[in-house]
Protein backbone atom coordinates (compact mmCIF):
# COMPACT_ATOMS: atom_id res chain seq x y z
CA MET A 1 90.99 110.60 112.13
CA ARG A 2 92.70 107.58 113.10
CA PRO A 3 91.88 103.84 112.38
CA ALA A 4 89.52 101.89 114.78
CA SER A 5 92.22 99.30 115.14
CA ARG A 6 95.95 100.74 116.41
CA PRO A 7 98.82 98.42 115.57
CA TRP A 8 101.29 97.71 118.39
CA HIS A 9 103.67 101.30 117.27
CA TRP A 10 100.91 103.39 118.66
CA HIS A 11 100.02 103.54 123.10
CA ARG A 12 97.11 105.65 124.13
CA ASP A 13 100.47 107.24 126.46
CA ARG A 14 103.08 108.22 124.16
CA SER A 15 106.10 110.72 123.86
CA CYS A 16 108.45 111.84 121.64
CA ARG A 17 110.91 109.42 123.42
CA LEU A 18 112.12 106.31 121.07
CA SER A 19 112.86 103.27 122.01
CA LEU A 20 116.29 101.35 121.08
CA SER A 21 115.20 98.15 121.61
CA SER A 22 112.61 98.52 119.30
CA PRO A 23 112.16 99.44 115.26
CA ALA A 24 113.19 102.81 114.81
CA GLY A 25 109.36 104.22 114.45
CA ARG A 26 108.15 102.56 117.90
CA VAL A 27 106.68 105.96 120.21
CA VAL A 28 106.38 105.75 123.82
CA GLY A 29 105.09 108.02 126.70
CA SER A 30 103.08 110.97 127.30
CA ARG A 31 100.22 111.41 124.48
CA ARG A 32 100.37 115.29 124.85
CA SER A 33 104.24 115.88 124.19
CA VAL A 34 103.41 114.46 120.09
CA PRO A 35 101.67 116.10 117.88
CA ARG A 36 98.86 113.76 115.96
CA LEU A 37 99.58 112.14 112.93
CA ALA A 38 95.82 113.17 110.73
CA GLY A 39 94.47 110.25 109.97
CA PRO A 40 94.78 110.46 106.31
CA VAL A 41 99.12 110.95 106.89
CA TRP A 42 97.97 107.46 109.10
CA ARG A 43 97.07 105.69 106.58
CA ILE A 44 99.99 106.27 104.30
CA VAL A 45 102.64 105.74 106.42
CA LEU A 46 100.79 102.01 107.76
CA ARG A 47 99.12 101.32 104.36
CA HIS A 48 100.81 98.22 102.59
CA GLY A 49 99.16 97.37 99.49
CA PRO A 50 96.04 99.70 97.68
CA THR A 51 93.33 97.23 98.74
CA ASN A 52 94.92 97.06 102.76
CA SER A 53 93.99 93.20 102.02
CA ILE A 54 97.09 91.37 100.55
CA PRO A 55 100.72 92.78 101.69
CA THR A 56 103.81 93.29 99.75
CA PRO A 57 105.64 90.19 98.61
CA VAL A 58 102.01 88.72 98.00
CA ARG A 59 101.82 85.12 100.11
CA ASP A 60 99.94 82.76 98.40
CA ALA A 61 98.12 79.25 99.74
CA PRO A 62 100.33 76.92 101.22
CA ARG A 63 102.24 74.37 98.36
CA ASP A 64 101.55 76.95 96.43
CA PRO A 65 104.72 79.70 94.61
CA PRO A 66 103.96 83.16 95.22
CA ARG A 67 102.42 84.67 92.17
CA ARG A 68 103.73 88.68 91.75
CA SER A 69 102.95 91.21 89.24
CA CYS A 70 106.17 93.24 87.85
CA PRO A 71 105.63 96.59 86.54
CA PRO A 72 107.56 97.62 83.24
CA ALA A 73 108.44 101.50 83.06
CA PRO A 74 107.87 104.12 82.12
CA ARG A 75 105.80 102.97 79.15
CA GLY A 76 102.66 105.08 77.76
CA VAL A 77 99.32 104.25 79.12
CA GLU A 78 97.09 106.89 78.36
CA LEU A 79 95.54 105.43 75.20
CA ARG A 80 94.83 101.66 75.97
CA ARG A 81 91.93 99.68 75.00
CA ARG A 82 89.69 98.94 77.87
CA ARG A 83 87.51 96.21 76.40
CA GLN A 84 88.33 93.65 73.86
CA ARG A 85 86.21 90.60 72.41
CA VAL A 86 86.33 87.37 73.38
CA ARG A 87 84.24 85.17 71.12
CA SER A 88 82.08 85.90 68.40
CA ASP A 89 79.55 83.27 69.56
CA ALA A 90 79.48 84.22 73.32
CA ALA A 91 76.10 84.55 75.15
CA PRO A 92 73.90 87.82 75.54
CA GLN A 93 75.28 89.44 78.54
CA PRO A 94 72.60 90.85 81.19
CA PRO A 95 71.82 95.01 81.24
CA PRO A 96 73.92 96.30 83.68
CA PRO A 97 72.65 96.92 87.58
CA GLU A 98 71.98 100.56 87.89
CA PRO A 99 73.90 102.51 90.04
CA ALA A 100 73.97 102.26 93.26
CA ARG A 101 73.16 104.94 95.80
CA ASP A 102 74.27 103.95 99.15
CA ARG A 103 76.81 105.43 100.79
CA ALA A 104 79.80 104.33 99.73
CA GLU A 105 78.42 105.88 96.39
CA ARG A 106 77.38 109.25 97.79
CA PRO A 107 79.63 110.10 100.25
CA ARG A 108 78.48 112.30 102.62
CA ARG A 109 79.82 115.80 102.46
CA ARG A 110 79.98 116.53 106.21
CA ALA A 111 82.46 113.45 106.42
CA ARG A 112 84.36 114.23 103.54
CA ASP A 113 85.04 118.27 104.46
CA ARG A 114 86.49 116.54 107.90
CA SER A 115 88.87 114.62 106.65
CA GLN A 116 90.13 116.86 104.60
CA ASP A 117 90.27 119.87 107.26
CA GLU A 118 92.31 117.69 109.48
CA LEU A 119 95.04 118.26 107.38
CA ALA A 120 94.68 121.99 107.59
CA ARG A 121 94.85 122.26 111.77
CA ARG A 122 98.10 120.24 112.18
CA PRO A 123 100.48 122.68 111.83
CA ALA A 124 103.37 119.91 112.54
CA LEU A 125 102.02 117.91 109.51
CA VAL A 126 101.84 121.17 107.16
CA ALA A 127 105.31 121.66 108.06
CA GLY A 128 106.62 118.49 107.92
CA TRP A 129 109.05 119.17 105.19
CA HIS A 130 111.04 121.45 106.75
CA ARG A 131 111.18 119.67 109.75
CA ALA A 132 112.21 116.54 107.83
CA ALA A 133 115.15 118.34 106.19
CA ARG A 134 116.19 119.61 109.49
CA GLY A 135 116.60 116.34 110.85
CA ALA A 136 118.45 114.95 108.40
CA GLY A 137 120.96 117.74 108.69
CA LYS A 138 121.18 116.59 112.48
CA ALA A 139 121.29 113.13 111.72
CA ASP A 140 124.35 113.99 108.68
CA THR A 141 122.11 111.96 105.84
CA LEU A 142 120.84 113.20 102.88
CA GLN A 143 117.01 114.07 102.17
CA TRP A 144 115.50 113.38 99.31
CA LEU A 145 112.13 115.68 98.90
CA SER A 146 109.49 114.45 97.01
CA GLY A 147 107.72 116.71 94.25
CA ALA A 148 104.29 115.84 96.12
CA THR A 149 105.62 118.07 98.91
CA GLY A 150 103.10 121.01 99.86
CA TRP A 151 105.77 123.38 100.23
CA PRO A 152 108.10 125.25 97.29
CA VAL A 153 111.71 123.64 96.93
CA GLU A 154 113.51 126.38 97.52
CA ASP A 155 111.82 126.98 100.93
CA VAL A 156 112.93 123.47 101.73
CA ALA A 157 116.78 123.62 100.69
CA LYS A 158 116.83 126.86 103.08
CA ALA A 159 116.01 124.48 105.81
CA GLY A 160 118.06 122.00 106.09
CA LYS A 161 122.02 121.65 106.40
CA ALA A 162 121.88 118.17 104.75
CA PRO A 163 122.35 117.27 100.92
CA GLN A 164 119.30 117.33 99.32
CA MET A 165 117.90 115.47 96.10
CA PHE A 166 114.53 116.08 94.56
CA GLN A 167 112.27 113.55 93.37
CA LEU A 168 110.45 114.75 89.95
CA TYR A 169 106.55 114.07 89.12
CA HIS A 170 106.10 114.66 85.89
CA HIS A 171 103.10 116.53 86.64
CA GLY A 172 102.64 119.14 83.59
CA ASP A 173 104.26 119.43 79.79
CA ARG A 174 107.92 119.63 79.13
CA GLY A 175 107.79 123.33 79.54
CA TRP A 176 106.68 123.25 83.02
CA VAL A 177 109.08 121.04 83.99
CA GLY A 178 112.03 122.61 82.48
CA GLU A 179 111.20 125.79 84.87
CA LEU A 180 110.61 123.77 87.89
CA LEU A 181 114.24 121.90 86.97
CA LYS A 182 115.58 125.42 87.02
CA ARG A 183 114.50 126.18 90.31
CA VAL A 184 115.20 123.15 91.47
CA GLU A 185 119.05 123.74 90.38
CA ALA A 186 119.24 127.05 91.51
CA SER A 187 118.54 125.81 95.04
CA GLY A 188 121.01 123.73 95.39
CA TYR A 189 119.85 120.12 94.96
CA LYS A 190 122.38 117.41 94.05
CA ALA A 191 120.85 115.28 91.62
CA VAL A 192 116.78 114.70 90.02
CA ALA A 193 114.93 111.08 90.25
CA LEU A 194 112.09 111.21 87.88
CA THR A 195 108.79 108.88 89.21
CA VAL A 196 108.18 105.97 86.72
CA ASP A 197 105.73 104.23 88.64
CA THR A 198 102.80 106.12 88.68
CA GLN A 199 100.82 106.24 85.79
CA HIS A 200 98.02 105.87 87.56
CA TYR A 201 97.03 106.44 91.37
CA SER A 202 95.67 103.23 92.86
CA ARG A 203 93.04 102.78 94.05
CA ARG A 204 93.45 102.56 97.67
CA GLU A 205 90.46 101.65 99.90
CA ARG A 206 91.27 103.11 102.97
CA ASP A 207 91.22 106.45 101.15
CA ILE A 208 87.78 105.38 99.60
CA LEU A 209 86.35 104.38 102.93
CA ALA A 210 87.70 107.69 104.52
CA ARG A 211 86.38 110.41 101.96
CA TRP A 212 89.86 111.32 101.35
CA SER A 213 91.24 113.09 97.83
CA PRO A 214 94.71 113.66 98.20
CA ARG A 215 94.17 115.89 95.53
CA LYS A 216 91.71 118.33 97.34
CA ALA A 217 94.58 118.20 99.82
CA MET A 218 97.30 119.26 97.57
CA GLU A 219 95.17 122.86 97.57
CA ILE A 220 95.28 123.75 101.12
CA ALA A 221 99.50 123.82 100.75
CA PRO A 222 101.20 126.96 99.66
CA ASN A 223 103.52 125.24 96.04
CA PRO A 224 101.39 125.21 93.40
CA ARG A 225 100.53 122.24 91.62
CA GLY A 226 101.29 120.63 87.99
CA PRO A 227 99.01 122.08 85.66
CA PHE A 228 98.36 118.57 84.22
CA HIS A 229 98.18 115.87 86.74
CA ASP A 230 97.64 113.35 84.22
CA TYR A 231 101.00 113.94 82.43
CA GLN A 232 102.46 110.83 84.44
CA MET A 233 100.09 108.27 82.24
CA ARG A 234 101.80 109.64 78.96
CA LEU A 235 105.51 109.07 80.15
CA THR A 236 107.70 107.15 77.89
CA TRP A 237 111.76 106.59 77.41
CA ALA A 238 112.32 109.65 74.94
CA ASP A 239 110.98 111.91 78.22
CA VAL A 240 113.86 110.29 80.56
CA GLU A 241 115.57 111.42 77.59
CA TRP A 242 114.81 114.69 77.35
CA LEU A 243 115.80 114.83 81.31
CA ILE A 244 118.89 114.01 80.49
CA LYS A 245 119.35 116.48 78.59
CA THR A 246 117.42 119.42 79.70
CA THR A 247 119.02 119.23 83.50
CA LYS A 248 123.03 119.52 84.57
CA LEU A 249 121.74 117.22 87.62
CA PRO A 250 122.64 113.68 87.43
CA VAL A 251 119.30 111.77 86.55
CA GLY A 252 117.85 108.61 88.13
CA LEU A 253 114.26 106.69 87.69
CA LYS A 254 112.44 105.68 90.47
CA GLY A 255 110.35 102.87 90.38
CA ILE A 256 112.59 100.35 88.39
CA MET A 257 111.52 96.62 89.19
CA THR A 258 112.74 95.06 85.86
CA VAL A 259 115.91 94.14 84.58
CA ALA A 260 114.82 95.00 81.15
CA ASP A 261 114.43 98.56 82.53
CA ALA A 262 117.42 98.70 84.75
CA LYS A 263 119.70 97.80 81.67
CA ARG A 264 117.76 100.17 79.25
CA ALA A 265 118.25 103.44 81.60
CA ALA A 266 121.78 102.40 82.55
CA GLU A 267 122.71 102.31 78.22
CA MET A 268 120.94 106.12 78.33
CA GLY A 269 122.68 107.24 80.30
CA VAL A 270 120.53 107.04 83.80
CA ARG A 271 123.18 107.38 87.10
CA LEU A 272 120.68 106.60 89.59
CA ILE A 273 118.76 103.17 89.25
CA TRP A 274 115.93 103.64 92.14
CA VAL A 275 114.65 100.24 92.61
CA SER A 276 111.00 100.66 94.38
CA ASN A 277 107.52 99.50 94.47
CA HIS A 278 106.40 102.70 95.88
CA GLY A 279 106.02 101.38 99.61
CA GLY A 280 103.32 98.42 98.27
CA ARG A 281 101.23 101.38 97.37
CA GLN A 282 100.88 101.47 94.14
CA LEU A 283 100.21 97.67 91.79
CA ASP A 284 99.06 94.89 94.39
CA HIS A 285 100.29 91.53 94.32
CA THR A 286 104.11 92.86 93.20
CA GLN A 287 107.36 91.82 94.34
CA SER A 288 108.98 93.18 97.10
CA SER A 289 111.96 96.08 95.73
CA ILE A 290 114.81 93.51 97.75
CA GLU A 291 113.31 90.60 95.72
CA ALA A 292 113.98 92.33 92.51
CA LEU A 293 117.52 94.47 93.60
CA PRO A 294 119.91 91.25 93.09
CA PRO A 295 119.20 90.55 89.18
CA ILE A 296 119.11 94.30 88.90
CA VAL A 297 122.39 95.15 90.08
CA ASP A 298 123.90 92.33 87.93
CA ALA A 299 122.40 93.86 85.18
CA VAL A 300 123.64 97.42 85.81
CA ALA A 301 127.38 96.29 86.39
CA GLY A 302 128.23 99.17 87.93
CA ARG A 303 127.01 101.59 85.40
CA ALA A 304 124.83 103.68 87.60
CA GLU A 305 124.15 103.54 91.57
CA ILE A 306 121.67 101.46 93.20
CA VAL A 307 119.32 102.75 95.47
CA ILE A 308 116.49 100.60 97.32
CA ASP A 309 113.38 101.39 99.18
CA GLY A 310 110.45 99.51 100.86
CA GLY A 311 109.78 98.46 104.35
CA PHE A 312 113.23 98.99 106.15
CA ASN A 313 112.75 99.72 109.32
CA SER A 314 116.04 98.71 111.45
CA GLY A 315 119.51 98.28 111.14
CA THR A 316 119.23 94.60 110.38
CA SER A 317 116.92 95.29 107.50
CA VAL A 318 119.54 98.11 105.80
CA LEU A 319 121.97 95.80 106.34
CA LYS A 320 120.29 93.46 104.42
CA GLY A 321 119.74 95.58 101.26
CA LEU A 322 123.48 97.06 101.36
CA ALA A 323 124.16 93.57 101.36
CA ARG A 324 122.37 92.75 98.10
CA GLY A 325 123.61 95.34 96.35
CA ALA A 326 122.55 98.76 96.88
CA LYS A 327 124.81 101.71 97.37
CA VAL A 328 121.68 103.54 99.90
CA VAL A 329 119.04 102.54 101.33
CA MET A 330 116.12 105.14 101.94
CA LEU A 331 113.50 104.86 104.85
CA GLY A 332 109.90 106.42 104.54
CA ARG A 333 107.73 104.96 106.83
CA THR A 334 110.46 104.94 109.99
CA ALA A 335 111.36 108.24 109.41
CA LEU A 336 107.77 109.90 109.51
CA TRP A 337 107.32 107.52 113.25
CA GLY A 338 110.18 110.23 114.35
CA LEU A 339 109.01 113.17 112.42
CA GLY A 340 105.52 112.87 113.83
CA ALA A 341 106.92 111.85 117.54
CA ASP A 342 109.14 114.78 117.74
CA GLY A 343 109.47 116.69 114.90
CA ALA A 344 113.43 117.60 113.48
CA ASP A 345 114.71 115.66 116.47
CA GLY A 346 112.78 112.75 116.44
CA VAL A 347 113.74 112.38 112.73
CA ALA A 348 117.76 112.56 113.83
CA ARG A 349 116.47 109.95 116.69
CA VAL A 350 115.83 107.56 114.30
CA PHE A 351 118.76 107.26 112.51
CA GLU A 352 120.61 107.46 115.45
CA ILE A 353 118.84 104.59 116.61
CA LEU A 354 119.71 102.64 113.01
CA ARG A 355 123.37 103.04 113.37
CA GLU A 356 123.47 101.70 116.40
CA GLN A 357 121.47 98.80 115.46
CA MET A 358 123.50 97.90 112.26
CA HIS A 359 126.79 98.92 114.16
CA ILE A 360 125.72 95.60 116.47
CA ALA A 361 124.13 93.82 113.29
CA MET A 362 127.24 94.46 111.49
CA GLY A 363 130.02 93.53 114.70
CA LEU A 364 127.83 90.44 114.98
CA CYS A 365 128.22 89.36 111.42
CA GLY A 366 131.83 89.68 111.86
CA ARG A 367 132.12 92.67 109.21
CA THR A 368 133.78 96.05 110.01
CA LYS A 369 133.03 98.13 106.93
CA ILE A 370 130.26 98.31 104.81
CA ALA A 371 132.83 97.29 101.92
CA ASP A 372 132.55 94.07 103.75
CA LEU A 373 128.64 93.31 102.78
CA LYS A 374 128.12 91.23 99.95
CA PRO A 375 125.58 88.68 99.15
CA ASP A 376 126.75 85.77 100.25
CA LEU A 377 125.96 87.17 104.05
CA ILE A 378 122.22 86.54 103.01
CA PHE A 379 120.49 83.42 102.77
CA ARG A 380 116.78 82.36 101.85
CA ALA A 381 114.72 80.69 104.35
CA ASP A 382 111.78 79.39 102.65
């Protein structure tokens, strides 16, 4: 399943060759040589915001300053008021309408099953994490393994030679997380980052229209899922303290977007602050991660390493992230273009392109070392 309209990256005739003159994800040539991306994966890679209507960062009307939401994390939100009284003398409200009985309310089983089966039919996608690990090793770069992977952490660790870190989703109680951390440590992962921006799974309208359920897709993979997916709602700073005391690995937090949260994390002993808005797929109308980066860098003041992701798709954009204070720039969608084009070799080729682009950009900026990339290199063009 693919969207009706395709972006410029996606040509009917395409191959595993990646162009050096374009963003690292462009794919060109013969369609038969490429493992086709399933519709659900395509939507994850392509999508901007949950409603698919307003990309991040938000651009409002002309002459109207941008207005953005700023998500704090972690903060337990499971028990919250969902209604409030506005006025005691408010006019009585009309009764709610009857439940709609159209196709959107009652999706056809045939369409839903086709969407789920599409992922299972593609071995290139089922084995994607193994190929990504091998590609990172070929590119001599590190890899973060998502806790939402469909494969056991041990298997992915064996697949690649690159240094590997683990992104933790708290999909169970502390007992379950403790057992998972033991497996992560035994497999040789170098660090763990707790995801703190998924208290709720956002309402992703492309998924709804396609009758796509991520939880159903997880059932086809061999990795056992966490017993309590909604535990993320309960996360508080006490869970962060417990995590630091429980694991031997350096602990990071992924999804930090505010100065207050960054300061508190650094004071608690968090070693890595991951500035991320989850690819713009969680909270609509939020700021971009690169906008949130400079004040967080100043607030942390070297007490923790700064990592950033979100929209980095060229060597020039990576240069901007480093110049604004990040120690590491992470890539998601861009690496997936290479993975879809040519597996592990495609991932390695993406990083080859990015390094070439960055080498050229640094030379044109008069910089010879990463340490020479400073904030004064970047200015805002409104």
